[in-house]
Protein backbone atom coordinates (compact mmCIF):
# COMPACT_ATOMS: atom_id res chain seq x y z
CA MET A 1 72.05 107.38 138.76
CA LYS A 2 69.98 104.20 138.70
CA LYS A 3 73.06 102.08 138.10
CA LEU A 4 74.94 103.71 140.95
CA PHE A 5 72.39 102.56 143.52
CA SER A 6 71.61 99.17 142.01
CA ILE A 7 74.55 97.59 143.84
CA ALA A 8 74.05 98.52 147.42
CA PHE A 9 76.83 96.96 149.45
CA LEU A 10 79.66 95.41 147.46
CA PRO A 11 83.15 96.99 147.68
CA ALA A 12 83.82 99.00 144.54
CA ILE A 13 86.75 96.97 143.24
CA MET A 14 84.59 93.86 143.27
CA LEU A 15 82.25 95.40 140.73
CA LEU A 16 85.08 95.06 138.24
CA THR A 17 87.14 92.11 139.40
CA ALA A 18 86.72 88.51 140.44
CA VAL A 19 89.62 86.16 141.04
CA THR A 20 88.23 83.44 138.77
CA SER A 21 85.18 82.59 136.71
CA PHE A 22 83.35 79.40 135.91
CA ALA A 23 80.52 78.10 133.75
CA GLN A 24 76.96 78.71 134.86
CA THR A 25 76.10 75.04 135.29
CA ASP A 26 77.75 71.66 134.81
CA SER A 27 75.69 68.50 134.90
CA THR A 28 78.51 66.34 136.28
CA ALA A 29 81.09 68.53 138.07
CA GLY A 30 80.64 69.34 141.75
CA THR A 31 77.95 66.73 142.43
CA LYS A 32 79.84 65.13 145.32
CA PRO A 33 80.92 66.83 148.54
CA GLU A 34 84.62 67.54 149.07
CA LYS A 35 86.81 68.20 152.10
CA PHE A 36 90.36 69.51 152.60
CA VAL A 37 91.37 69.21 156.26
CA THR A 38 94.34 70.70 158.13
CA LYS A 39 95.30 71.02 161.81
CA HIS A 40 96.48 74.24 163.49
CA THR A 41 97.13 76.00 166.79
CA ILE A 42 96.50 79.58 167.89
CA LYS A 43 96.71 81.54 171.14
CA ILE A 44 93.71 83.77 171.94
CA ASP A 45 93.56 85.80 175.15
CA GLY A 46 96.42 83.76 176.54
CA ARG A 47 94.74 80.41 175.84
CA VAL A 48 96.17 77.86 173.38
CA ILE A 49 93.47 76.66 170.98
CA ASN A 50 94.06 73.56 168.86
CA TYR A 51 91.68 73.56 165.94
CA THR A 52 90.75 71.86 162.70
CA ALA A 53 90.26 73.82 159.49
CA THR A 54 87.97 72.20 156.93
CA VAL A 55 87.51 73.67 153.46
CA GLY A 56 84.71 71.85 151.76
CA THR A 57 81.49 71.70 149.80
CA LEU A 58 78.06 70.30 150.63
CA ILE A 59 75.46 69.34 148.06
CA LEU A 60 72.06 71.05 147.94
CA LYS A 61 69.07 69.27 146.41
CA ASN A 62 65.61 70.36 145.36
CA ASP A 63 62.25 68.92 146.42
CA LYS A 64 62.65 66.17 143.80
CA ASP A 65 65.96 65.07 145.36
CA GLU A 66 67.84 66.42 142.34
CA THR A 67 71.25 68.05 142.83
CA ILE A 68 71.09 71.82 142.30
CA ALA A 69 74.21 73.31 143.93
CA SER A 70 77.60 72.61 145.43
CA PHE A 71 77.90 74.99 148.39
CA GLY A 72 81.38 75.93 149.61
CA TYR A 73 82.51 76.77 153.13
CA THR A 74 85.50 76.97 155.47
CA ALA A 75 84.90 75.67 158.98
CA TYR A 76 87.09 76.18 162.04
CA THR A 77 86.32 73.81 164.90
CA LYS A 78 88.06 73.63 168.26
CA ASP A 79 89.63 70.25 168.98
CA GLY A 80 88.97 68.27 172.14
CA GLU A 81 85.38 69.36 172.72
CA GLY A 82 83.35 66.44 174.12
CA ASP A 83 79.87 67.78 174.73
CA MET A 84 78.86 69.65 171.57
CA SER A 85 75.66 70.90 173.25
CA LYS A 86 77.95 73.30 175.10
CA ARG A 87 79.98 74.37 172.07
CA PRO A 88 78.39 77.12 169.97
CA VAL A 89 78.73 77.28 166.19
CA THR A 90 78.55 80.59 164.31
CA PHE A 91 77.59 80.70 160.63
CA SER A 92 79.09 83.77 159.00
CA TYR A 93 78.93 85.46 155.59
CA ASN A 94 79.39 88.78 153.87
CA GLY A 95 76.91 90.55 151.65
CA GLY A 96 77.03 92.24 148.27
CA PRO A 97 74.76 90.63 147.30
CA GLY A 98 77.29 88.63 145.33
CA SER A 99 80.24 88.75 147.73
CA SER A 100 82.18 85.84 149.14
CA SER A 101 82.93 85.63 152.86
CA MET A 102 86.58 86.54 152.30
CA TRP A 103 86.25 89.96 154.00
CA LEU A 104 84.97 88.74 157.36
CA HIS A 105 87.12 85.62 157.03
CA MET A 106 90.42 87.48 156.75
CA GLY A 107 89.35 90.59 158.66
CA ILE A 108 88.07 89.24 161.98
CA MET A 109 86.37 85.82 162.04
CA GLY A 110 89.11 83.44 160.92
CA PRO A 111 92.18 82.48 162.97
CA ARG A 112 94.46 84.26 160.51
CA ARG A 113 94.14 87.94 159.66
CA VAL A 114 95.50 90.26 156.99
CA VAL A 115 97.22 93.36 158.36
CA VAL A 116 96.25 96.69 156.77
CA ASN A 117 97.46 100.21 157.50
CA ASP A 118 94.02 101.53 158.39
CA PRO A 119 93.22 104.23 157.33
CA SER A 120 96.52 104.91 155.54
CA PRO A 121 97.39 103.58 152.04
CA ASN A 122 98.57 99.99 151.76
CA GLY A 123 100.04 99.80 148.28
CA PRO A 124 101.04 96.59 146.46
CA ALA A 125 102.32 93.25 147.81
CA PRO A 126 103.84 91.89 149.93
CA TYR A 127 101.12 91.88 152.61
CA LYS A 128 101.35 90.56 156.15
CA LEU A 129 99.31 87.70 157.60
CA GLU A 130 99.25 87.15 161.34
CA ASP A 131 97.47 85.02 163.92
CA ASN A 132 94.15 86.67 164.69
CA GLY A 133 93.88 87.26 168.41
CA TYR A 134 90.50 88.87 167.77
CA SER A 135 88.90 85.67 166.47
CA ILE A 136 85.96 84.24 168.45
CA LEU A 137 87.27 80.69 167.98
CA ASP A 138 87.89 80.46 171.72
CA VAL A 139 84.15 80.76 172.41
CA SER A 140 82.54 79.40 169.22
CA ASP A 141 83.28 77.27 166.20
CA VAL A 142 83.09 79.32 163.00
CA VAL A 143 81.71 78.35 159.59
CA MET A 144 82.48 80.83 156.82
CA MET A 145 79.90 80.45 154.06
CA ASP A 146 80.15 81.41 150.38
CA PRO A 147 76.75 81.78 148.65
CA VAL A 148 76.26 80.32 145.18
CA GLY A 149 78.37 82.16 142.63
CA THR A 150 81.10 82.94 145.18
CA GLY A 151 83.93 80.96 146.73
CA LEU A 152 83.73 77.33 145.64
CA SER A 153 79.93 77.45 145.41
CA ARG A 154 78.34 76.64 142.06
CA ALA A 155 74.97 75.87 140.60
CA VAL A 156 75.27 72.28 139.33
CA GLY A 157 73.04 69.52 138.06
CA LYS A 158 69.48 70.78 137.72
CA GLY A 159 70.37 74.12 139.29
CA LYS A 160 70.83 77.46 137.58
CA ASN A 161 72.59 80.48 139.03
CA ALA A 162 69.43 82.56 138.69
CA ASP A 163 67.70 80.19 141.13
CA PHE A 164 69.99 81.47 143.88
CA TRP A 165 70.50 85.10 142.83
CA GLY A 166 67.63 86.77 144.60
CA VAL A 167 66.40 87.60 148.09
CA ASP A 168 64.27 84.49 148.50
CA GLY A 169 66.41 82.01 146.57
CA ASP A 170 69.49 83.14 148.47
CA ALA A 171 67.83 82.84 151.88
CA LYS A 172 66.52 79.38 151.02
CA SER A 173 69.90 78.06 149.82
CA VAL A 174 71.83 79.53 152.76
CA SER A 175 69.30 78.02 155.16
CA GLN A 176 69.52 74.66 153.42
CA PHE A 177 73.30 74.69 153.67
CA ILE A 178 73.11 75.45 157.41
CA ARG A 179 70.65 72.58 157.91
CA ASN A 180 72.88 70.22 155.91
CA TYR A 181 76.02 71.26 157.80
CA VAL A 182 74.27 70.82 161.15
CA HIS A 183 73.11 67.34 160.11
CA GLU A 184 76.40 66.25 158.55
CA ASN A 185 78.45 67.35 161.55
CA GLU A 186 75.99 66.31 164.31
CA ARG A 187 75.46 69.87 165.55
CA TRP A 188 71.68 69.70 166.00
CA ASN A 189 72.01 70.28 169.74
CA SER A 190 74.72 72.94 169.57
CA PRO A 191 73.88 76.60 170.24
CA LYS A 192 73.69 78.33 166.84
CA PHE A 193 74.45 81.90 165.81
CA LEU A 194 74.30 83.88 162.59
CA LEU A 195 76.81 86.65 161.88
CA GLY A 196 76.37 88.53 158.61
CA GLU A 197 77.75 91.79 157.30
CA SER A 198 75.94 94.38 155.15
CA TYR A 199 73.59 92.50 152.80
CA GLY A 200 74.46 89.61 155.08
CA THR A 201 72.37 91.32 157.79
CA PHE A 202 69.45 91.61 155.38
CA ARG A 203 69.97 87.89 154.64
CA SER A 204 70.23 86.91 158.32
CA ALA A 205 66.75 88.17 159.12
CA ALA A 206 65.25 86.02 156.37
CA VAL A 207 67.44 83.01 157.17
CA ALA A 208 66.61 83.03 160.89
CA ASP A 209 62.92 82.92 160.02
CA TYR A 210 63.31 80.32 157.24
CA LEU A 211 65.39 78.00 159.43
CA GLN A 212 62.75 78.09 162.13
CA GLU A 213 59.71 77.81 159.87
CA THR A 214 61.11 75.15 157.51
CA TYR A 215 63.63 73.08 159.46
CA GLY A 216 62.70 73.67 163.08
CA ILE A 217 66.08 75.27 163.78
CA SER A 218 65.82 78.16 166.24
CA VAL A 219 69.00 80.21 166.42
CA ASN A 220 70.24 81.46 169.77
CA GLY A 221 71.39 84.81 168.46
CA ILE A 222 72.12 86.99 165.46
CA VAL A 223 74.96 89.48 165.07
CA LEU A 224 74.18 92.14 162.45
CA VAL A 225 77.39 93.81 161.26
CA SER A 226 76.86 97.10 159.36
CA ASN A 227 73.17 96.52 159.41
CA VAL A 228 70.41 97.21 156.90
CA LEU A 229 67.06 95.42 156.90
CA ASP A 230 65.02 98.04 155.06
CA ILE A 231 66.53 99.01 151.70
CA ARG A 232 64.37 102.12 151.72
CA THR A 233 66.84 103.75 154.13
CA LEU A 234 69.54 103.54 151.42
CA ALA A 235 67.59 103.95 148.20
CA PHE A 236 67.05 107.74 147.95
CA ASN A 237 63.89 107.09 145.96
CA PRO A 238 62.20 110.17 144.48
CA GLY A 239 59.68 111.66 146.88
CA ASP A 240 61.01 109.73 149.88
CA ASP A 241 62.74 111.95 152.45
CA LEU A 242 63.62 109.22 154.97
CA PRO A 243 67.06 108.39 153.48
CA TYR A 244 68.15 112.03 153.75
CA ILE A 245 67.14 112.12 157.42
CA VAL A 246 68.91 108.91 158.46
CA ASN A 247 72.05 109.66 156.43
CA LEU A 248 72.54 113.15 157.87
CA PRO A 249 74.20 112.04 161.15
CA THR A 250 76.80 110.05 159.17
CA TYR A 251 77.46 113.09 156.98
CA ALA A 252 77.97 115.09 160.17
CA ALA A 253 80.24 112.45 161.73
CA THR A 254 82.35 112.44 158.58
CA ALA A 255 82.65 116.23 158.60
CA TRP A 256 83.56 116.07 162.30
CA TYR A 257 86.31 113.52 161.59
CA HIS A 258 87.79 115.59 158.74
CA ASN A 259 87.68 118.80 160.79
CA LYS A 260 85.07 120.49 158.63
CA VAL A 261 82.91 121.31 161.65
CA ALA A 262 83.72 124.63 163.31
CA ASN A 263 82.18 123.73 166.67
CA LYS A 264 83.03 120.12 167.52
CA GLY A 265 81.48 120.46 170.98
CA ALA A 266 82.27 118.21 173.93
CA GLY A 267 83.05 115.20 171.75
CA LEU A 268 81.70 113.01 168.98
CA GLU A 269 78.97 111.31 171.01
CA ALA A 270 77.49 114.58 172.26
CA PHE A 271 77.80 116.11 168.80
CA LEU A 272 75.92 113.21 167.20
CA ASN A 273 73.19 113.29 169.82
CA ASP A 274 72.53 116.90 168.85
CA VAL A 275 72.58 115.98 165.15
CA ARG A 276 70.11 113.13 165.70
CA ALA A 277 67.73 115.54 167.43
CA PHE A 278 68.01 118.02 164.56
CA ALA A 279 67.66 115.32 161.88
CA PHE A 280 64.41 113.92 163.27
CA GLY A 281 63.17 117.31 164.43
CA GLU A 282 63.68 120.53 162.54
CA TYR A 283 65.26 118.94 159.46
CA ALA A 284 62.60 116.24 159.08
CA THR A 285 59.86 118.84 159.53
CA ALA A 286 61.41 121.04 156.85
CA LEU A 287 61.61 118.18 154.37
CA MET A 288 58.04 117.13 155.09
CA LYS A 289 56.78 120.65 154.39
CA GLY A 290 58.34 120.56 150.94
CA ASP A 291 57.59 123.67 148.90
CA MET A 292 55.48 125.03 151.75
CA LEU A 293 58.57 125.65 153.89
CA SER A 294 58.87 129.34 154.76
CA GLU A 295 61.97 131.31 153.78
CA ALA A 296 62.80 132.01 157.43
CA ASP A 297 62.64 128.31 158.35
CA ARG A 298 64.58 127.39 155.23
CA THR A 299 67.38 129.82 156.09
CA ARG A 300 67.57 128.51 159.64
CA VAL A 301 67.82 124.90 158.41
CA LEU A 302 70.46 125.84 155.82
CA ASP A 303 72.57 127.50 158.52
CA LYS A 304 72.39 124.38 160.65
CA LEU A 305 73.18 122.02 157.76
CA ASN A 306 76.25 124.06 156.90
CA ALA A 307 77.37 124.07 160.53
CA ILE A 308 77.15 120.31 161.05
CA THR A 309 78.33 119.02 157.66
CA GLY A 310 80.87 121.56 156.39
CA ILE A 311 78.97 121.65 153.08
CA SER A 312 78.21 125.21 151.99
CA LYS A 313 74.75 126.75 152.34
CA ASP A 314 74.80 127.42 148.60
CA TYR A 315 75.29 123.71 147.84
CA TRP A 316 72.53 122.67 150.26
CA GLU A 317 70.27 125.31 148.71
CA LYS A 318 70.89 124.05 145.19
CA ALA A 319 70.24 120.50 146.42
CA ASN A 320 66.88 121.60 147.86
CA LEU A 321 68.12 120.50 151.31
CA ARG A 322 68.61 116.95 150.00
CA VAL A 323 72.17 115.72 149.33
CA LEU A 324 72.74 112.19 148.06
CA GLN A 325 75.54 110.08 149.55
CA PRO A 326 77.80 110.11 146.43
CA GLN A 327 77.26 113.87 146.15
CA PHE A 328 78.39 114.29 149.76
CA SER A 329 81.44 112.06 149.24
CA GLN A 330 82.51 114.21 146.29
CA GLU A 331 81.68 117.60 147.78
CA LEU A 332 83.03 117.51 151.34
CA LEU A 333 86.72 117.84 150.40
CA ARG A 334 86.26 119.06 146.83
CA ASN A 335 88.47 122.11 147.38
CA GLU A 336 91.33 119.77 148.29
CA GLY A 337 90.79 117.59 145.20
CA ILE A 338 89.82 114.71 147.49
CA ILE A 339 86.83 112.35 147.79
CA VAL A 340 85.90 110.45 150.96
CA GLY A 341 85.14 106.76 151.18
CA ARG A 342 81.66 105.29 151.07
CA LEU A 343 82.34 102.12 153.03
CA ASP A 344 84.58 104.06 155.39
CA ALA A 345 84.51 107.85 155.25
CA ARG A 346 87.81 108.13 157.14
CA TYR A 347 89.53 107.10 153.90
CA LYS A 348 90.46 109.72 151.32
CA GLY A 349 91.20 109.35 147.63
CA ILE A 350 92.14 111.49 144.66
CA ALA A 351 89.16 113.04 142.89
CA GLN A 352 90.07 112.16 139.31
CA ASP A 353 87.26 114.30 137.94
CA LYS A 354 87.23 117.42 140.05
CA LEU A 355 84.12 118.73 138.29
CA SER A 356 82.08 115.58 138.90
CA GLU A 357 78.87 115.82 140.89
CA TYR A 358 79.27 112.29 142.25
CA ALA A 359 82.03 110.13 143.73
CA PHE A 360 81.90 107.00 141.58
CA THR A 361 84.74 105.18 143.28
CA ASP A 362 85.46 104.23 146.88
CA PRO A 363 88.92 105.03 148.32
CA GLN A 364 88.58 102.48 151.12
CA SER A 365 87.67 99.62 148.82
CA ASN A 366 90.30 100.60 146.27
CA ASP A 367 92.95 100.55 148.98
CA ILE A 368 92.26 97.38 150.98
CA SER A 369 90.83 95.04 148.31
CA PRO A 370 94.21 94.01 146.81
CA ALA A 371 95.54 93.23 150.28
CA PHE A 372 92.55 91.07 151.21
CA ILE A 373 92.41 89.22 147.90
CA SER A 374 96.15 88.54 147.70
CA ALA A 375 96.48 87.50 151.34
CA PHE A 376 93.43 85.26 151.21
CA MET A 377 94.41 83.44 148.02
CA HIS A 378 97.89 82.83 149.41
CA TYR A 379 96.48 81.55 152.70
CA TYR A 380 93.89 79.37 150.97
CA THR A 381 96.36 77.34 148.93
CA THR A 382 99.38 77.31 151.26
CA GLU A 383 98.05 77.05 154.82
CA LEU A 384 94.64 75.48 154.16
CA LYS A 385 96.10 73.25 151.42
CA VAL A 386 93.29 73.77 148.94
CA PRO A 387 94.41 72.46 145.52
CA LYS A 388 95.26 75.22 143.09
CA ASP A 389 92.87 73.83 140.50
CA LYS A 390 89.94 74.76 142.76
CA SER A 391 88.65 78.13 141.57
CA TYR A 392 87.61 80.54 144.32
CA ASN A 393 85.46 83.51 143.30
CA THR A 394 85.77 86.55 145.54
CA SER A 395 82.52 87.80 143.97
CA ALA A 396 79.84 86.73 141.52
CA TYR A 397 80.03 89.89 139.44
CA ALA A 398 82.29 88.43 136.77
CA LEU A 399 79.75 85.70 136.05
CA GLN A 400 77.53 85.91 133.03
CA GLY A 401 73.98 86.97 133.80
CA PHE A 402 74.49 88.10 137.39
CA ASN A 403 71.41 90.13 138.22
CA TRP A 404 69.83 90.15 141.67
CA ASP A 405 66.09 89.57 142.06
CA TRP A 406 65.03 91.93 144.85
CA LYS A 407 61.43 90.70 145.12
CA HIS A 408 60.52 89.50 148.60
CA GLN A 409 56.93 88.68 149.43
CA ARG A 410 57.07 89.90 153.02
CA SER A 411 58.06 93.34 151.70
CA ASN A 412 54.88 93.66 149.69
CA GLY A 413 52.22 96.25 150.46
CA LEU A 414 48.94 97.07 148.77
CA PHE A 415 50.69 97.39 145.40
CA GLY A 416 52.51 94.07 145.51
CA ASP A 417 56.27 94.05 144.95
CA ALA A 418 56.39 97.76 144.05
CA ALA A 419 57.77 98.38 147.56
CA THR A 420 61.50 98.48 148.34
CA PRO A 421 62.69 95.13 149.79
CA ASN A 422 62.62 94.72 153.54
CA THR A 423 63.39 91.71 155.75
CA GLU A 424 62.36 93.49 158.94
CA PRO A 425 59.07 91.48 158.93
CA ASP A 426 61.07 88.25 158.77
CA LEU A 427 63.07 89.19 161.85
CA LEU A 428 59.92 90.32 163.64
CA ASN A 429 58.34 86.91 162.97
CA ALA A 430 61.46 85.02 164.00
CA MET A 431 61.85 86.94 167.27
CA SER A 432 58.15 86.69 168.10
CA ASN A 433 58.18 82.92 167.57
CA ASN A 434 61.49 82.51 169.40
CA PRO A 435 61.37 85.10 172.20
CA LYS A 436 64.68 83.90 173.66
CA MET A 437 66.60 84.78 170.49
CA LYS A 438 68.93 87.74 170.99
CA VAL A 439 70.10 90.26 168.38
CA MET A 440 73.19 92.47 168.53
CA VAL A 441 73.63 95.27 166.01
CA LEU A 442 77.13 96.56 165.21
CA ASN A 443 77.50 99.77 163.21
CA GLY A 444 80.43 101.98 162.21
CA ILE A 445 79.99 105.70 162.82
CA TYR A 446 81.81 106.56 159.56
CA ASP A 447 79.93 104.06 157.37
CA LEU A 448 78.20 105.86 154.48
CA ALA A 449 77.03 102.57 152.93
CA THR A 450 74.74 101.46 155.78
CA PRO A 451 74.25 104.51 158.04
CA PHE A 452 73.92 103.77 161.74
CA VAL A 453 70.84 105.94 162.23
CA GLY A 454 69.08 104.06 159.44
CA SER A 455 69.62 100.92 161.51
CA GLU A 456 68.31 102.65 164.63
CA TYR A 457 65.23 103.85 162.76
CA THR A 458 64.47 100.32 161.54
CA PHE A 459 64.49 98.81 165.02
CA ASP A 460 62.59 101.75 166.50
CA HIS A 461 59.81 101.05 163.99
CA MET A 462 59.88 97.27 164.06
CA GLY A 463 56.81 96.89 166.26
CA LEU A 464 58.32 94.30 168.59
CA ASP A 465 56.33 93.33 171.64
CA LYS A 466 57.76 95.30 174.53
CA LYS A 467 58.56 92.08 176.41
CA ILE A 468 61.32 91.24 173.89
CA ARG A 469 62.59 94.69 172.90
CA SER A 470 65.42 94.26 175.39
CA ASN A 471 66.64 91.31 173.28
CA ILE A 472 68.17 93.86 170.91
CA THR A 473 71.41 95.69 171.73
CA HIS A 474 73.35 98.23 169.67
CA LYS A 475 77.12 98.73 169.61
CA TYR A 476 79.01 101.52 167.85
CA TYR A 477 82.54 101.78 166.48
CA GLU A 478 84.59 104.81 165.48
CA ALA A 479 85.35 103.20 162.12
CA GLY A 480 83.49 102.29 158.95
CA HIS A 481 81.60 99.45 157.28
CA MET A 482 84.41 96.95 157.98
CA MET A 483 85.06 98.31 161.45
CA TYR A 484 87.36 95.39 162.28
CA ILE A 485 90.18 96.64 160.04
CA HIS A 486 90.64 99.35 162.71
CA ASN A 487 92.64 97.65 165.48
CA GLU A 488 90.87 99.31 168.41
CA SER A 489 87.52 98.43 166.87
CA ALA A 490 88.66 94.85 166.17
CA ALA A 491 89.43 94.41 169.87
CA LYS A 492 86.02 95.84 170.76
CA PHE A 493 84.35 93.62 168.13
CA LYS A 494 85.96 90.54 169.68
CA LYS A 495 84.84 91.56 173.17
CA ASP A 496 81.30 92.49 172.11
CA VAL A 497 80.63 89.35 170.06
CA SER A 498 82.22 86.97 172.59
CA GLU A 499 80.22 88.47 175.46
CA PHE A 500 77.05 88.33 173.35
CA ILE A 501 77.49 84.62 172.56
CA LEU A 502 78.38 83.67 176.11
CA GLY A 503 75.60 85.87 177.49
CA THR A 504 72.90 84.11 175.49
CA LEU A 505 73.96 80.76 176.91
CA LYS A 506 73.37 81.73 180.54
């Protein structure tokens, strides 16, 4: 089980596949910045936007002015803007850790978008690319960033991949790239935003603080997509009942969606409000009592768990009231020979081992990954005119020695780095030092990878001064981890993010 939870966020297919691979370091290659520039036009909300697409690399150096990395990006900038102090720029990335930005790039942020049959099967090529009317390019320039080991980004010169493959090394390099991009493109006085997904939200908290503390760059706002700041909420560590509590509402939402709930009530929102109350009330109390829980209370809790999740009382009993996420994904539709998705529990897949206790594959990732990878690679070389000899890695997992260092000093308690990693203190520091910074949290209701109540719990226990608590807003989508592949949610995503950016500028 340890291996199953060691990779918290990356789509399942990416654990096995990367488009290309490259050597760990090269003392000469990649030591100079590159640019590939093309011009395009798109119509968004009825407005024609002329824009420049720049695929490039910037060079990172260490404190001795030695080259350590070539950092790749794709930037989309609106043409004809005179006063750049009025034109926002949004720096965006995915998570993994070890994922390129391809998912956000082709799903919602870029001006071109891959079309998927959400949540129905897609099958093999050909896939459809279309102009992305949900892009925020009408309100902000967009810089898609690929951390070292992904995209065109490489450790070079004096750098080694291991220097960048960890919580702190990653945050430092991403922050340095942002500083370099801002300087190179004269965007010091532009409003700046961070938009990260999954581990990218965990990264954003650290980056916002590092930018401010190290470079004097205060960001205007952060958008946290499928948020997790405290890995404890996902870890299911022995003796820790919190993950079971915050995951329960997503189990219930999934059962509700797949019609495994007998009484669906007045609707999903009302149903989930009741589940939240039970999760943090009677259920939490039962778990805290442990072996001291009375038989009468145990029976009452088992009845309720069965009613809201569709999982039998017998299964909950054998699990001692504590069901892990991959157990739930395997068990919910076991009698149909089906497993449900982890990144998006609306998706269903064939249970290849019908006796298995755990779902070790993800139907959503298995289905959409070929479409995203194929469409992106085609777009990259044909429309963005990137030479075919430039190797783009969709993930770092094919690279020799990839192993993430989860140590983060701000996570430490009385026993040092024995604690699960947490960048909540970084965000607390950044917001306290920059009380005008706004944060918007976007979560999918059917996301079993980063459960929405885990995100709520984190912010409810952040300890923010009450004068700036209103700087945080939460938005919810009836979709999964990549909520933007659902068309109705993509439209809502566009509206929410655009209004957030424009709202912070008033």
